[in-house]
């Protein structure tokens, strides 16, 4: 029996963007606050939570 287990793992776009922002912050190239440096992590999560809340409100 031949099982084909294709598994894709990786950091993804948001993770790479966050990593790039952190490196730029540490090197002093950008002077943004840490909230904006980590925005690629929390903005998609916030959008997801808002969508879920809207779905639950509309379902009632």
N, C-alpha and C. Protein backbone atom coordinates (compact mmCIF):
# COMPACT_ATOMS: atom_id res chain seq x y z
N UNK A 1 0.84 -1.16 0.00
CA UNK A 1 0.00 0.00 0.00
C UNK A 1 0.89 1.24 0.00
N UNK A 2 0.63 2.15 -0.93
CA UNK A 2 1.43 3.35 -1.06
C UNK A 2 0.63 4.54 -0.53
N UNK A 3 1.05 5.07 0.58
CA UNK A 3 0.39 6.24 1.15
C UNK A 3 1.22 7.47 0.83
N UNK A 4 0.54 8.47 0.34
CA UNK A 4 1.21 9.72 0.00
C UNK A 4 0.84 10.76 1.04
N UNK A 5 1.75 11.05 1.93
CA UNK A 5 1.51 12.05 2.98
C UNK A 5 2.21 13.34 2.59
N UNK A 6 1.47 14.19 1.90
CA UNK A 6 2.00 15.51 1.56
C UNK A 6 1.63 16.46 2.67
N UNK A 7 2.64 16.99 3.30
CA UNK A 7 2.41 17.89 4.42
C UNK A 7 3.19 19.18 4.18
N UNK A 8 2.48 20.28 4.19
CA UNK A 8 3.12 21.57 3.96
C UNK A 8 3.20 22.29 5.31
N UNK A 9 4.39 22.63 5.69
CA UNK A 9 4.58 23.39 6.93
C UNK A 9 5.45 24.59 6.61
N UNK A 10 5.29 25.60 7.40
CA UNK A 10 6.10 26.79 7.18
C UNK A 10 5.61 27.94 8.01
N UNK A 11 6.30 29.03 7.89
CA UNK A 11 6.00 30.20 8.68
C UNK A 11 4.83 30.97 8.08
N UNK A 12 4.78 31.13 6.80
CA UNK A 12 3.72 31.88 6.15
C UNK A 12 4.08 33.34 5.98
N UNK A 13 3.23 34.03 5.23
CA UNK A 13 3.50 35.43 4.90
C UNK A 13 3.51 36.32 6.13
N UNK A 14 2.51 36.18 6.98
CA UNK A 14 2.43 37.03 8.17
C UNK A 14 3.61 36.80 9.11
N UNK A 15 4.03 35.58 9.26
CA UNK A 15 5.18 35.27 10.10
C UNK A 15 6.46 35.86 9.56
N UNK A 16 6.64 35.76 8.24
CA UNK A 16 7.84 36.33 7.63
C UNK A 16 7.83 37.86 7.72
N UNK A 17 6.66 38.46 7.52
CA UNK A 17 6.56 39.90 7.63
C UNK A 17 6.87 40.37 9.05
N UNK A 18 6.35 39.65 10.04
CA UNK A 18 6.64 39.98 11.44
C UNK A 18 8.13 39.85 11.72
N UNK A 19 8.73 38.79 11.25
CA UNK A 19 10.17 38.58 11.44
C UNK A 19 10.97 39.70 10.80
N UNK A 20 10.58 40.12 9.60
CA UNK A 20 11.28 41.21 8.92
C UNK A 20 11.14 42.51 9.72
N UNK A 21 9.93 42.79 10.22
CA UNK A 21 9.73 44.00 11.02
C UNK A 21 10.56 43.97 12.30
N UNK A 22 10.63 42.81 12.95
CA UNK A 22 11.43 42.69 14.18
C UNK A 22 12.91 42.96 13.89
N UNK A 23 13.41 42.39 12.81
CA UNK A 23 14.81 42.60 12.44
C UNK A 23 15.07 44.07 12.14
N UNK A 24 14.16 44.70 11.39
CA UNK A 24 14.32 46.12 11.07
C UNK A 24 14.27 46.98 12.33
N UNK A 25 13.43 46.60 13.28
CA UNK A 25 13.33 47.34 14.55
C UNK A 25 14.63 47.20 15.35
N UNK A 26 15.14 45.98 15.43
CA UNK A 26 16.36 45.74 16.20
C UNK A 26 17.55 46.47 15.58
N UNK A 27 17.59 46.52 14.25
CA UNK A 27 18.68 47.20 13.57
C UNK A 27 18.53 48.72 13.59
N UNK A 28 17.40 49.22 14.07
CA UNK A 28 17.18 50.65 14.17
C UNK A 28 16.76 51.31 12.87
N UNK A 29 16.36 50.52 11.89
CA UNK A 29 15.96 51.07 10.60
C UNK A 29 14.55 51.67 10.68
N UNK A 30 13.69 51.05 11.46
CA UNK A 30 12.35 51.61 11.68
C UNK A 30 12.18 51.93 13.16
N UNK A 31 11.40 52.94 13.44
CA UNK A 31 11.19 53.40 14.82
C UNK A 31 9.75 53.20 15.27
N UNK A 32 9.09 52.19 14.73
CA UNK A 32 7.69 51.94 15.05
C UNK A 32 7.57 51.37 16.45
N UNK A 33 6.35 51.49 17.02
CA UNK A 33 6.09 50.87 18.32
C UNK A 33 5.96 49.36 18.11
N UNK A 34 6.12 48.61 19.20
CA UNK A 34 6.05 47.16 19.10
C UNK A 34 4.65 46.67 18.71
N UNK A 35 3.64 47.47 19.00
CA UNK A 35 2.29 47.11 18.57
C UNK A 35 2.19 47.00 17.05
N UNK A 36 2.82 47.94 16.35
CA UNK A 36 2.80 47.90 14.88
C UNK A 36 3.79 46.89 14.33
N UNK A 37 4.86 46.65 15.04
CA UNK A 37 5.82 45.62 14.60
C UNK A 37 5.13 44.25 14.59
N UNK A 38 4.31 44.00 15.60
CA UNK A 38 3.62 42.71 15.72
C UNK A 38 2.25 42.69 15.05
N UNK A 39 1.89 43.76 14.35
CA UNK A 39 0.59 43.86 13.69
C UNK A 39 0.30 42.71 12.71
N UNK A 40 1.27 42.20 11.97
CA UNK A 40 0.94 41.07 11.08
C UNK A 40 0.45 39.83 11.83
N UNK A 41 0.67 39.78 13.13
CA UNK A 41 0.18 38.65 13.92
C UNK A 41 -1.21 38.93 14.48
N UNK A 42 -1.46 40.15 14.97
CA UNK A 42 -2.73 40.41 15.65
C UNK A 42 -3.83 40.92 14.74
N UNK A 43 -3.51 41.55 13.62
CA UNK A 43 -4.56 42.05 12.73
C UNK A 43 -5.37 40.91 12.09
N UNK A 44 -4.74 39.88 11.52
CA UNK A 44 -5.55 38.78 10.97
C UNK A 44 -6.38 38.07 12.03
N UNK A 45 -5.84 37.92 13.23
CA UNK A 45 -6.59 37.30 14.33
C UNK A 45 -7.79 38.16 14.70
N UNK A 46 -7.60 39.47 14.75
CA UNK A 46 -8.70 40.38 15.07
C UNK A 46 -9.81 40.32 14.02
N UNK A 47 -9.41 40.29 12.76
CA UNK A 47 -10.40 40.19 11.67
C UNK A 47 -11.18 38.90 11.78
N UNK A 48 -10.50 37.79 12.07
CA UNK A 48 -11.15 36.50 12.22
C UNK A 48 -12.17 36.53 13.37
N UNK A 49 -11.77 37.12 14.49
CA UNK A 49 -12.67 37.19 15.64
C UNK A 49 -13.90 38.04 15.32
N UNK A 50 -13.71 39.16 14.63
CA UNK A 50 -14.84 40.01 14.25
C UNK A 50 -15.79 39.26 13.32
N UNK A 51 -15.26 38.52 12.37
CA UNK A 51 -16.10 37.74 11.46
C UNK A 51 -16.91 36.70 12.22
N UNK A 52 -16.27 36.00 13.16
CA UNK A 52 -16.98 34.99 13.96
C UNK A 52 -18.09 35.64 14.78
N UNK A 53 -17.82 36.79 15.40
CA UNK A 53 -18.83 37.48 16.20
C UNK A 53 -20.00 37.91 15.32
N UNK A 54 -19.72 38.44 14.14
CA UNK A 54 -20.79 38.85 13.22
C UNK A 54 -21.63 37.65 12.80
N UNK A 55 -20.99 36.53 12.52
CA UNK A 55 -21.73 35.31 12.15
C UNK A 55 -22.65 34.88 13.27
N UNK A 56 -22.17 34.90 14.50
CA UNK A 56 -23.01 34.51 15.64
C UNK A 56 -24.16 35.48 15.86
N UNK A 57 -23.91 36.76 15.65
CA UNK A 57 -24.99 37.75 15.79
C UNK A 57 -26.05 37.57 14.71
N UNK A 58 -25.61 37.33 13.48
CA UNK A 58 -26.57 37.14 12.40
C UNK A 58 -27.32 35.81 12.50
N UNK A 59 -26.73 34.83 13.16
CA UNK A 59 -27.37 33.52 13.30
C UNK A 59 -28.52 33.56 14.29
N UNK A 60 -28.52 34.53 15.18
CA UNK A 60 -29.60 34.62 16.19
C UNK A 60 -30.86 35.15 15.63
